[in-house]
Amino acid sequence: MKVFVDGARCQGHTLCAMIAPDMFELDEMDGHSTPVAQDVPTEQEAKVREAVRSCPEQAISIEE
């Protein structure tokens, strides 16, 4: 599974990093998120799926 963050949609709510801190890093200036790595380790898949569902801007997507 791969994870992507649409930087144009991300508004820096930081929910993804709270849910899956090992998979998302936040910009220090505006809180916008980027994936730590596109490839999601198996043990992180459930957390990344929860982050996708929780993003208020629907800025996170996954590719199976």
PDB file of N, CA and C in Angstrom:
ATOM      1  N   MET A   1       0.843  -1.167   0.000  1.00  0.00           N
ATOM      2  CA  MET A   1       0.000   0.000   0.000  1.00  0.00           C
ATOM      3  C   MET A   1       0.897   1.241   0.000  1.00  0.00           C
ATOM      4  N   LYS A   2       0.456   2.268  -0.713  1.00  0.00           N
ATOM      5  CA  LYS A   2       1.175   3.544  -0.763  1.00  0.00           C
ATOM      6  C   LYS A   2       0.243   4.642  -0.253  1.00  0.00           C
ATOM      7  N   VAL A   3       0.828   5.652   0.378  1.00  0.00           N
ATOM      8  CA  VAL A   3       0.038   6.768   0.901  1.00  0.00           C
ATOM      9  C   VAL A   3       0.515   8.070   0.279  1.00  0.00           C
ATOM     10  N   PHE A   4      -0.428   8.961   0.026  1.00  0.00           N
ATOM     11  CA  PHE A   4      -0.143  10.247  -0.597  1.00  0.00           C
ATOM     12  C   PHE A   4      -0.903  11.346   0.143  1.00  0.00           C
ATOM     13  N   VAL A   5      -0.329  12.536   0.213  1.00  0.00           N
ATOM     14  CA  VAL A   5      -1.003  13.701   0.776  1.00  0.00           C
ATOM     15  C   VAL A   5      -1.038  14.781  -0.300  1.00  0.00           C
ATOM     16  N   ASP A   6      -2.229  15.274  -0.582  1.00  0.00           N
ATOM     17  CA  ASP A   6      -2.405  16.359  -1.537  1.00  0.00           C
ATOM     18  C   ASP A   6      -2.113  17.670  -0.810  1.00  0.00           C
ATOM     19  N   GLY A   7      -0.951  18.242  -1.084  1.00  0.00           N
ATOM     20  CA  GLY A   7      -0.527  19.456  -0.405  1.00  0.00           C
ATOM     21  C   GLY A   7      -1.448  20.641  -0.637  1.00  0.00           C
ATOM     22  N   ALA A   8      -2.169  20.651  -1.743  1.00  0.00           N
ATOM     23  CA  ALA A   8      -3.098  21.740  -2.026  1.00  0.00           C
ATOM     24  C   ALA A   8      -4.358  21.642  -1.171  1.00  0.00           C
ATOM     25  N   ARG A   9      -4.704  20.431  -0.742  1.00  0.00           N
ATOM     26  CA  ARG A   9      -5.905  20.234   0.072  1.00  0.00           C
ATOM     27  C   ARG A   9      -5.623  20.261   1.574  1.00  0.00           C
ATOM     28  N   CYS A  10      -4.411  19.851   1.955  1.00  0.00           N
ATOM     29  CA  CYS A  10      -4.067  19.772   3.376  1.00  0.00           C
ATOM     30  C   CYS A  10      -4.139  21.160   4.007  1.00  0.00           C
ATOM     31  N   GLN A  11      -4.829  21.259   5.135  1.00  0.00           N
ATOM     32  CA  GLN A  11      -4.965  22.532   5.837  1.00  0.00           C
ATOM     33  C   GLN A  11      -4.253  22.530   7.186  1.00  0.00           C
ATOM     34  N   GLY A  12      -3.499  21.471   7.480  1.00  0.00           N
ATOM     35  CA  GLY A  12      -2.705  21.443   8.694  1.00  0.00           C
ATOM     36  C   GLY A  12      -3.486  21.139   9.961  1.00  0.00           C
ATOM     37  N   HIS A  13      -4.525  20.324   9.857  1.00  0.00           N
ATOM     38  CA  HIS A  13      -5.301  19.954  11.047  1.00  0.00           C
ATOM     39  C   HIS A  13      -4.517  19.030  11.981  1.00  0.00           C
ATOM     40  N   THR A  14      -3.518  18.344  11.470  1.00  0.00           N
ATOM     41  CA  THR A  14      -2.580  17.467  12.201  1.00  0.00           C
ATOM     42  C   THR A  14      -3.181  16.160  12.704  1.00  0.00           C
ATOM     43  N   LEU A  15      -4.413  15.839  12.347  1.00  0.00           N
ATOM     44  CA  LEU A  15      -5.037  14.594  12.817  1.00  0.00           C
ATOM     45  C   LEU A  15      -4.274  13.374  12.341  1.00  0.00           C
ATOM     46  N   CYS A  16      -3.772  13.412  11.118  1.00  0.00           N
ATOM     47  CA  CYS A  16      -3.054  12.260  10.575  1.00  0.00           C
ATOM     48  C   CYS A  16      -1.826  11.932  11.416  1.00  0.00           C
ATOM     49  N   ALA A  17      -1.093  12.967  11.801  1.00  0.00           N
ATOM     50  CA  ALA A  17       0.113  12.753  12.594  1.00  0.00           C
ATOM     51  C   ALA A  17      -0.221  12.293  14.007  1.00  0.00           C
ATOM     52  N   MET A  18      -1.372  12.682  14.522  1.00  0.00           N
ATOM     53  CA  MET A  18      -1.793  12.200  15.844  1.00  0.00           C
ATOM     54  C   MET A  18      -2.187  10.723  15.779  1.00  0.00           C
ATOM     55  N   ILE A  19      -2.804  10.324  14.670  1.00  0.00           N
ATOM     56  CA  ILE A  19      -3.274   8.951  14.504  1.00  0.00           C
ATOM     57  C   ILE A  19      -2.129   8.022  14.117  1.00  0.00           C
ATOM     58  N   ALA A  20      -1.297   8.453  13.189  1.00  0.00           N
ATOM     59  CA  ALA A  20      -0.201   7.619  12.672  1.00  0.00           C
ATOM     60  C   ALA A  20       1.106   8.418  12.685  1.00  0.00           C
ATOM     61  N   PRO A  21       1.654   8.692  13.868  1.00  0.00           N
ATOM     62  CA  PRO A  21       2.833   9.551  13.963  1.00  0.00           C
ATOM     63  C   PRO A  21       4.075   9.010  13.253  1.00  0.00           C
ATOM     64  N   ASP A  22       4.145   7.695  13.054  1.00  0.00           N
ATOM     65  CA  ASP A  22       5.300   7.131  12.353  1.00  0.00           C
ATOM     66  C   ASP A  22       5.197   7.273  10.838  1.00  0.00           C
ATOM     67  N   MET A  23       4.019   7.658  10.347  1.00  0.00           N
ATOM     68  CA  MET A  23       3.815   7.718   8.902  1.00  0.00           C
ATOM     69  C   MET A  23       3.667   9.132   8.339  1.00  0.00           C
ATOM     70  N   PHE A  24       3.405  10.116   9.201  1.00  0.00           N
ATOM     71  CA  PHE A  24       3.207  11.484   8.717  1.00  0.00           C
ATOM     72  C   PHE A  24       4.084  12.441   9.501  1.00  0.00           C
ATOM     73  N   GLU A  25       4.695  13.382   8.766  1.00  0.00           N
ATOM     74  CA  GLU A  25       5.459  14.433   9.420  1.00  0.00           C
ATOM     75  C   GLU A  25       4.808  15.768   9.085  1.00  0.00           C
ATOM     76  N   LEU A  26       4.940  16.707  10.004  1.00  0.00           N
ATOM     77  CA  LEU A  26       4.283  17.994   9.851  1.00  0.00           C
ATOM     78  C   LEU A  26       5.310  19.092   9.605  1.00  0.00           C
ATOM     79  N   ASP A  27       4.954  20.003   8.720  1.00  0.00           N
ATOM     80  CA  ASP A  27       5.793  21.160   8.456  1.00  0.00           C
ATOM     81  C   ASP A  27       5.774  22.047   9.703  1.00  0.00           C
ATOM     82  N   GLU A  28       6.934  22.495  10.135  1.00  0.00           N
ATOM     83  CA  GLU A  28       7.033  23.309  11.347  1.00  0.00           C
ATOM     84  C   GLU A  28       6.372  24.679  11.198  1.00  0.00           C
ATOM     85  N   MET A  29       6.276  25.183   9.992  1.00  0.00           N
ATOM     86  CA  MET A  29       5.713  26.519   9.774  1.00  0.00           C
ATOM     87  C   MET A  29       4.183  26.531   9.747  1.00  0.00           C
ATOM     88  N   ASP A  30       3.587  25.586   9.014  1.00  0.00           N
ATOM     89  CA  ASP A  30       2.135  25.647   8.841  1.00  0.00           C
ATOM     90  C   ASP A  30       1.401  24.363   9.228  1.00  0.00           C
ATOM     91  N   GLY A  31       2.123  23.339   9.669  1.00  0.00           N
ATOM     92  CA  GLY A  31       1.480  22.102  10.102  1.00  0.00           C
ATOM     93  C   GLY A  31       1.033  21.195   8.980  1.00  0.00           C
ATOM     94  N   HIS A  32       1.308  21.572   7.733  1.00  0.00           N
ATOM     95  CA  HIS A  32       0.900  20.714   6.619  1.00  0.00           C
ATOM     96  C   HIS A  32       1.654  19.392   6.682  1.00  0.00           C
ATOM     97  N   SER A  33       0.972  18.350   6.276  1.00  0.00           N
ATOM     98  CA  SER A  33       1.478  16.987   6.408  1.00  0.00           C
ATOM     99  C   SER A  33       2.109  16.477   5.120  1.00  0.00           C
ATOM    100  N   THR A  34       3.101  15.631   5.290  1.00  0.00           N
ATOM    101  CA  THR A  34       3.665  14.859   4.188  1.00  0.00           C
ATOM    102  C   THR A  34       3.933  13.456   4.721  1.00  0.00           C
ATOM    103  N   PRO A  35       3.848  12.449   3.854  1.00  0.00           N
ATOM    104  CA  PRO A  35       4.163  11.095   4.312  1.00  0.00           C
ATOM    105  C   PRO A  35       5.661  10.965   4.597  1.00  0.00           C
ATOM    106  N   VAL A  36       5.995  10.227   5.620  1.00  0.00           N
ATOM    107  CA  VAL A  36       7.402   9.931   5.918  1.00  0.00           C
ATOM    108  C   VAL A  36       7.974   9.088   4.789  1.00  0.00           C
ATOM    109  N   ALA A  37       7.159   8.148   4.298  1.00  0.00           N
ATOM    110  CA  ALA A  37       7.515   7.290   3.162  1.00  0.00           C
ATOM    111  C   ALA A  37       6.223   6.932   2.436  1.00  0.00           C
ATOM    112  N   GLN A  38       6.289   6.786   1.123  1.00  0.00           N
ATOM    113  CA  GLN A  38       5.085   6.410   0.387  1.00  0.00           C
ATOM    114  C   GLN A  38       4.671   4.976   0.679  1.00  0.00           C
ATOM    115  N   ASP A  39       5.630   4.082   0.805  1.00  0.00           N
ATOM    116  CA  ASP A  39       5.318   2.680   1.065  1.00  0.00           C
ATOM    117  C   ASP A  39       4.961   2.511   2.537  1.00  0.00           C
ATOM    118  N   VAL A  40       3.770   1.981   2.790  1.00  0.00           N
ATOM    119  CA  VAL A  40       3.275   1.815   4.148  1.00  0.00           C
ATOM    120  C   VAL A  40       3.595   0.406   4.638  1.00  0.00           C
ATOM    121  N   PRO A  41       4.333   0.289   5.750  1.00  0.00           N
ATOM    122  CA  PRO A  41       4.594  -1.037   6.310  1.00  0.00           C
ATOM    123  C   PRO A  41       3.274  -1.691   6.750  1.00  0.00           C
ATOM    124  N   THR A  42       3.202  -2.985   6.637  1.00  0.00           N
ATOM    125  CA  THR A  42       1.981  -3.724   6.969  1.00  0.00           C
ATOM    126  C   THR A  42       1.448  -3.359   8.342  1.00  0.00           C
ATOM    127  N   GLU A  43       2.338  -3.217   9.313  1.00  0.00           N
ATOM    128  CA  GLU A  43       1.892  -2.930  10.679  1.00  0.00           C
ATOM    129  C   GLU A  43       1.328  -1.519  10.850  1.00  0.00           C
ATOM    130  N   GLN A  44       1.497  -0.653   9.851  1.00  0.00           N
ATOM    131  CA  GLN A  44       0.983   0.718   9.913  1.00  0.00           C
ATOM    132  C   GLN A  44      -0.278   0.918   9.066  1.00  0.00           C
ATOM    133  N   GLU A  45      -0.690  -0.101   8.321  1.00  0.00           N
ATOM    134  CA  GLU A  45      -1.809   0.062   7.382  1.00  0.00           C
ATOM    135  C   GLU A  45      -3.100   0.480   8.062  1.00  0.00           C
ATOM    136  N   ALA A  46      -3.446  -0.114   9.177  1.00  0.00           N
ATOM    137  CA  ALA A  46      -4.705   0.228   9.862  1.00  0.00           C
ATOM    138  C   ALA A  46      -4.694   1.678  10.319  1.00  0.00           C
ATOM    139  N   LYS A  47      -3.579   2.155  10.831  1.00  0.00           N
ATOM    140  CA  LYS A  47      -3.488   3.537  11.281  1.00  0.00           C
ATOM    141  C   LYS A  47      -3.582   4.508  10.109  1.00  0.00           C
ATOM    142  N   VAL A  48      -2.946   4.162   8.999  1.00  0.00           N
ATOM    143  CA  VAL A  48      -3.013   5.034   7.826  1.00  0.00           C
ATOM    144  C   VAL A  48      -4.438   5.082   7.284  1.00  0.00           C
ATOM    145  N   ARG A  49      -5.124   3.953   7.264  1.00  0.00           N
ATOM    146  CA  ARG A  49      -6.534   3.946   6.816  1.00  0.00           C
ATOM    147  C   ARG A  49      -7.391   4.831   7.722  1.00  0.00           C
ATOM    148  N   GLU A  50      -7.139   4.778   9.022  1.00  0.00           N
ATOM    149  CA  GLU A  50      -7.873   5.630   9.957  1.00  0.00           C
ATOM    150  C   GLU A  50      -7.565   7.102   9.691  1.00  0.00           C
ATOM    151  N   ALA A  51      -6.311   7.410   9.391  1.00  0.00           N
ATOM    152  CA  ALA A  51      -5.938   8.796   9.069  1.00  0.00           C
ATOM    153  C   ALA A  51      -6.653   9.272   7.811  1.00  0.00           C
ATOM    154  N   VAL A  52      -6.770   8.407   6.812  1.00  0.00           N
ATOM    155  CA  VAL A  52      -7.501   8.756   5.586  1.00  0.00           C
ATOM    156  C   VAL A  52      -8.947   9.098   5.924  1.00  0.00           C
ATOM    157  N   ARG A  53      -9.588   8.264   6.727  1.00  0.00           N
ATOM    158  CA  ARG A  53     -10.992   8.491   7.108  1.00  0.00           C
ATOM    159  C   ARG A  53     -11.152   9.745   7.965  1.00  0.00           C
ATOM    160  N   SER A  54     -10.153  10.093   8.744  1.00  0.00           N
ATOM    161  CA  SER A  54     -10.255  11.198   9.694  1.00  0.00           C
ATOM    162  C   SER A  54      -9.903  12.559   9.117  1.00  0.00           C
ATOM    163  N   CYS A  55      -9.264  12.598   7.970  1.00  0.00           N
ATOM    164  CA  CYS A  55      -8.829  13.873   7.399  1.00  0.00           C
ATOM    165  C   CYS A  55     -10.044  14.714   6.988  1.00  0.00           C
ATOM    166  N   PRO A  56     -10.253  15.862   7.630  1.00  0.00           N
ATOM    167  CA  PRO A  56     -11.416  16.684   7.294  1.00  0.00           C
ATOM    168  C   PRO A  56     -11.379  17.240   5.873  1.00  0.00           C
ATOM    169  N   GLU A  57     -10.211  17.380   5.300  1.00  0.00           N
ATOM    170  CA  GLU A  57     -10.077  17.924   3.947  1.00  0.00           C
ATOM    171  C   GLU A  57      -9.978  16.844   2.882  1.00  0.00           C
ATOM    172  N   GLN A  58      -9.998  15.580   3.295  1.00  0.00           N
ATOM    173  CA  GLN A  58      -9.837  14.444   2.377  1.00  0.00           C
ATOM    174  C   GLN A  58      -8.579  14.609   1.526  1.00  0.00           C
ATOM    175  N   ALA A  59      -7.494  15.026   2.203  1.00  0.00           N
ATOM    176  CA  ALA A  59      -6.228  15.283   1.503  1.00  0.00           C
ATOM    177  C   ALA A  59      -5.339  14.045   1.412  1.00  0.00           C
ATOM    178  N   ILE A  60      -5.690  12.993   2.146  1.00  0.00           N
ATOM    179  CA  ILE A  60      -4.859  11.783   2.166  1.00  0.00           C
ATOM    180  C   ILE A  60      -5.523  10.710   1.314  1.00  0.00           C
ATOM    181  N   SER A  61      -4.723  10.059   0.481  1.00  0.00           N
ATOM    182  CA  SER A  61      -5.246   8.950  -0.318  1.00  0.00           C
ATOM    183  C   SER A  61      -4.265   7.780  -0.242  1.00  0.00           C
ATOM    184  N   ILE A  62      -4.799   6.611  -0.519  1.00  0.00           N
ATOM    185  CA  ILE A  62      -3.967   5.405  -0.547  1.00  0.00           C
ATOM    186  C   ILE A  62      -4.156   4.688  -1.868  1.00  0.00           C
ATOM    187  N   GLU A  63      -3.132   3.951  -2.225  1.00  0.00           N
ATOM    188  CA  GLU A  63      -3.157   3.129  -3.426  1.00  0.00           C
ATOM    189  C   GLU A  63      -2.791   1.719  -2.983  1.00  0.00           C
ATOM    190  N   GLU A  64      -3.658   0.792  -3.278  1.00  0.00           N
ATOM    191  CA  GLU A  64      -3.425  -0.611  -2.869  1.00  0.00           C
ATOM    192  C   GLU A  64      -2.373  -1.253  -3.734  1.00  0.00           C
TER     193      GLU A  64
END
